[in-house]
Protein backbone atom coordinates (compact mmCIF):
# COMPACT_ATOMS: atom_id res chain seq x y z
CA UNK A 1 -23.63 4.30 -14.09
CA UNK A 2 -22.80 0.63 -13.53
CA UNK A 3 -19.85 0.97 -15.91
CA UNK A 4 -18.58 3.92 -13.89
CA UNK A 5 -18.85 1.88 -10.69
CA UNK A 6 -16.71 -0.89 -12.19
CA UNK A 7 -13.97 1.68 -12.93
CA UNK A 8 -13.88 3.82 -9.79
CA UNK A 9 -12.35 7.28 -9.90
CA UNK A 10 -8.92 7.59 -8.34
CA UNK A 11 -8.25 9.71 -5.30
CA UNK A 12 -5.01 11.36 -6.44
CA UNK A 13 -3.39 12.38 -3.17
CA UNK A 14 -0.30 10.14 -3.02
CA UNK A 15 3.00 11.58 -4.16
CA UNK A 16 5.07 9.11 -6.20
CA UNK A 17 2.43 6.37 -6.09
CA UNK A 18 4.10 4.52 -8.96
CA UNK A 19 7.66 5.06 -7.66
CA UNK A 20 8.58 6.75 -10.96
CA UNK A 21 10.33 9.66 -9.21
CA UNK A 22 12.99 7.24 -8.05
CA UNK A 23 15.31 7.65 -5.13
CA UNK A 24 17.14 10.80 -4.21
CA UNK A 25 20.24 9.47 -2.47
CA UNK A 26 20.19 9.49 1.32
CA UNK A 27 16.69 11.01 1.36
CA UNK A 28 15.16 7.71 0.25
CA UNK A 29 12.12 7.44 -2.02
CA UNK A 30 10.18 10.70 -2.57
CA UNK A 31 6.73 10.59 -0.98
CA UNK A 32 7.58 7.61 1.23
CA UNK A 33 9.51 6.97 4.44
CA UNK A 34 11.05 3.75 5.73
CA UNK A 35 10.51 3.09 9.44
CA UNK A 36 12.73 2.08 11.16
CA UNK A 37 15.39 2.55 8.51
CA UNK A 38 17.87 0.38 10.42
CA UNK A 39 15.80 -2.79 9.92
CA UNK A 40 15.20 -2.68 6.19
CA UNK A 41 15.51 -0.94 2.87
CA UNK A 42 13.34 0.54 0.14
CA UNK A 43 15.12 0.55 -3.19
CA UNK A 44 13.98 1.55 -6.65
CA UNK A 45 14.14 -1.15 -9.33
CA UNK A 46 14.38 -0.30 -13.00
CA UNK A 47 13.67 -3.80 -14.30
CA UNK A 48 10.35 -5.63 -14.43
CA UNK A 49 8.04 -2.87 -13.20
CA UNK A 50 4.31 -3.57 -13.31
CA UNK A 51 3.57 -0.17 -14.83
CA UNK A 52 5.98 2.50 -16.01
CA UNK A 53 9.72 1.98 -15.76
CA UNK A 54 10.29 1.63 -12.00
CA UNK A 55 9.00 -0.33 -9.02
CA UNK A 56 10.03 -0.55 -5.38
CA UNK A 57 11.67 -3.43 -3.52
CA UNK A 58 10.80 -3.41 0.19
CA UNK A 59 13.22 -5.53 2.20
CA UNK A 60 13.26 -6.41 5.89
CA UNK A 61 16.41 -7.59 7.64
CA UNK A 62 15.04 -7.33 11.19
CA UNK A 63 11.79 -8.14 12.96
CA UNK A 64 9.70 -5.61 11.00
CA UNK A 65 9.86 -2.64 8.65
CA UNK A 66 7.20 -0.22 7.39
CA UNK A 67 7.02 1.80 4.20
CA UNK A 68 4.82 4.82 4.98
CA UNK A 69 3.41 7.40 2.55
CA UNK A 70 3.27 11.12 3.13
CA UNK A 71 0.09 12.29 4.86
CA UNK A 72 -3.07 13.12 2.92
CA UNK A 73 -6.55 14.38 3.76
CA UNK A 74 -9.16 11.66 4.26
CA UNK A 75 -11.85 11.54 1.58
CA UNK A 76 -15.23 13.04 2.44
CA UNK A 77 -17.06 9.95 1.13
CA UNK A 78 -16.39 7.78 4.20
CA UNK A 79 -14.66 5.25 1.94
CA UNK A 80 -11.08 4.55 0.94
CA UNK A 81 -9.79 1.76 -1.24
CA UNK A 82 -6.07 1.02 -1.54
CA UNK A 83 -5.00 -0.83 -4.70
CA UNK A 84 -1.44 -2.09 -5.07
CA UNK A 85 0.44 -4.51 -7.32
CA UNK A 86 2.72 -6.96 -5.49
CA UNK A 87 5.05 -9.83 -6.29
CA UNK A 88 7.86 -11.81 -4.68
CA UNK A 89 10.93 -13.41 -6.20
CA UNK A 90 10.71 -17.07 -7.24
CA UNK A 91 11.34 -19.46 -4.33
CA UNK A 92 10.92 -16.62 -1.82
CA UNK A 93 9.00 -17.69 1.30
CA UNK A 94 5.68 -16.03 2.07
CA UNK A 95 5.98 -13.25 4.63
CA UNK A 96 3.42 -11.38 6.70
CA UNK A 97 2.57 -8.22 4.80
CA UNK A 98 -0.06 -5.75 5.90
CA UNK A 99 -1.67 -3.21 3.59
CA UNK A 100 -2.66 -0.51 6.04
CA UNK A 101 -4.05 2.97 6.54
CA UNK A 102 -3.15 4.94 9.66
CA UNK A 103 -3.97 8.25 11.26
CA UNK A 104 -5.51 9.62 14.43
CA UNK A 105 -9.17 9.50 15.40
CA UNK A 106 -9.98 11.99 18.15
CA UNK A 107 -6.34 11.88 19.23
CA UNK A 108 -6.18 8.06 19.41
CA UNK A 109 -4.39 5.77 16.95
CA UNK A 110 -6.48 4.82 13.93
CA UNK A 111 -5.01 1.78 12.13
CA UNK A 112 -6.89 -0.41 9.65
CA UNK A 113 -5.20 -3.18 7.70
CA UNK A 114 -5.60 -6.19 5.44
CA UNK A 115 -3.22 -9.13 5.71
CA UNK A 116 -1.64 -10.73 2.63
CA UNK A 117 1.14 -13.25 2.33
CA UNK A 118 1.83 -15.84 5.02
CA UNK A 119 -1.11 -17.20 6.93
CA UNK A 120 -3.79 -16.17 4.42
CA UNK A 121 -5.07 -18.84 2.07
CA UNK A 122 -5.89 -17.35 -1.31
CA UNK A 123 -4.05 -14.09 -0.59
CA UNK A 124 -0.49 -15.28 -1.03
CA UNK A 125 1.80 -12.97 -2.93
CA UNK A 126 2.87 -14.72 -6.14
CA UNK A 127 5.85 -14.41 -8.42
CA UNK A 128 3.83 -12.54 -11.07
CA UNK A 129 2.51 -9.01 -10.56
CA UNK A 130 -0.94 -9.31 -8.96
CA UNK A 131 -3.31 -6.55 -7.82
CA UNK A 132 -4.55 -6.47 -4.23
CA UNK A 133 -7.33 -4.28 -2.88
CA UNK A 134 -7.93 -3.15 0.68
CA UNK A 135 -11.33 -1.49 1.09
CA UNK A 136 -12.41 0.60 4.07
CA UNK A 137 -16.10 1.45 3.78
CA UNK A 138 -16.62 3.05 7.18
CA UNK A 139 -14.10 5.89 7.51
CA UNK A 140 -15.22 8.27 10.26
CA UNK A 141 -16.54 11.60 9.01
CA UNK A 142 -15.51 13.54 12.13
CA UNK A 143 -12.36 13.58 14.25
CA UNK A 144 -10.14 11.79 11.71
CA UNK A 145 -6.71 13.32 11.08
CA UNK A 146 -4.69 13.18 7.92
CA UNK A 147 -4.00 9.60 6.83
CA UNK A 148 -1.01 7.64 5.54
CA UNK A 149 -0.78 4.40 3.56
CA UNK A 150 1.52 1.77 5.06
CA UNK A 151 3.08 -1.47 3.93
CA UNK A 152 4.19 -3.44 6.99
CA UNK A 153 6.61 -6.31 6.32
CA UNK A 154 6.68 -8.24 9.59
CA UNK A 155 9.50 -10.74 9.03
CA UNK A 156 12.83 -10.90 7.22
CA UNK A 157 12.26 -11.05 3.48
CA UNK A 158 11.32 -8.88 0.51
CA UNK A 159 8.34 -7.89 -1.61
CA UNK A 160 8.14 -5.89 -4.85
CA UNK A 161 5.59 -3.04 -4.80
CA UNK A 162 4.23 -0.95 -7.68
CA UNK A 163 1.29 1.19 -8.83
CA UNK A 164 -0.32 2.21 -5.55
CA UNK A 165 -3.72 3.76 -6.24
CA UNK A 166 -6.39 5.13 -3.96
CA UNK A 167 -10.10 5.46 -4.66
CA UNK A 168 -12.76 7.19 -2.62
CA UNK A 169 -15.67 5.64 -4.52
CA UNK A 170 -14.78 1.93 -4.89
CA UNK A 171 -17.37 -0.65 -3.89
CA UNK A 172 -17.20 -4.36 -2.99
CA UNK A 173 -18.67 -6.97 -5.32
CA UNK A 174 -21.58 -7.43 -2.91
CA UNK A 175 -22.31 -3.70 -2.98
CA UNK A 176 -22.11 -3.64 -6.78
CA UNK A 177 -24.62 -6.49 -7.03
């Protein structure tokens, strides 16, 4: 059982989580939307992916840009863990990047996030692919709408994104102990 806990089951609800479907012209990246499209870009890269043959480059040319997944049903476990592999180009400055989950809770905005990049010692995004985890262990059981994963880049710059995975049964190191 402990071995199973160290390798949590995935919650396979994200379309194109590894960005392998690529871009479809003006429609952007399948399974994901760029908001607002005028302040940034989401482009598929075919070199140096973390897993598979493609990754995504999220770029911001304005004050902020968000890459938002299609909606999915919240897990019934009350937990959701978002795993993602990130990197930046060499000599790129650290930018504010939020790994987030959004939805509605009883009609009000539900937005939970973890900050990586600028301003967070130990959570800087490096030049090599590195996994990051954002764990929510108290998802409401009632009144929660469908959810979306978000990557919020809150300053001009760029970050490479690959291999987004969700788990509904991941636990923190403290919980595992």
